[in-house]
Amino acid sequence: MSQKNIPKNLINILKNQHNHLRKEMKELKEESEKSSPNFPILFKILNDFSYFLAEHLNLENNVFYPELIEKFKMKGHEIYGIEKFINEMKIIETKVKKFFKFYLDAENIKKDFKKFALNLDEIVSTLTLRIESEENSVFYNWDWIR
């Protein structure tokens, strides 16, 4: 990957995206915890969140992680740990995409709202763990390997 295609402030971009995702997760939780959730609004927030997450994952998967691995290889460092971490993140990504695929419209959310709320809790916890893991590990590797 060409260095000129990598934004110099890539980590800041990713962290800002993480903060945006945290904000949207909070909005999802707040709407879903109302005594009478507005299902079209809930679906809109979920849809916006899904779209933004896809864009974020695209940047991570197609720019950040490949470049991080390349930097490790160029410096002669072991990449097994990074590859293992990326594979673990892919498992989380698959789980999250399955959730979004199931709740394609407001009716699916409304049809079994209790199950949706439980699944949403799990997805929010899973994504929060992923975000914290990235910020506390591979983002530091990026600065270390430069």
Foldseek 3Di string as FASTA:
>chain_A
DDPVVQDPPNVVVLVVLLVVLLVLLVVLLVQLPDPDHDLQVNVVSLVVSVVSVVVSVCCCVVPVLVVLQVLCVVVVHDCPVSVVLVVVVVVLVVLVVVLCVQCVDSCSCVVCVVVNSVSSVVNSVSVVVNVVVCVVPVSVSVVVSD
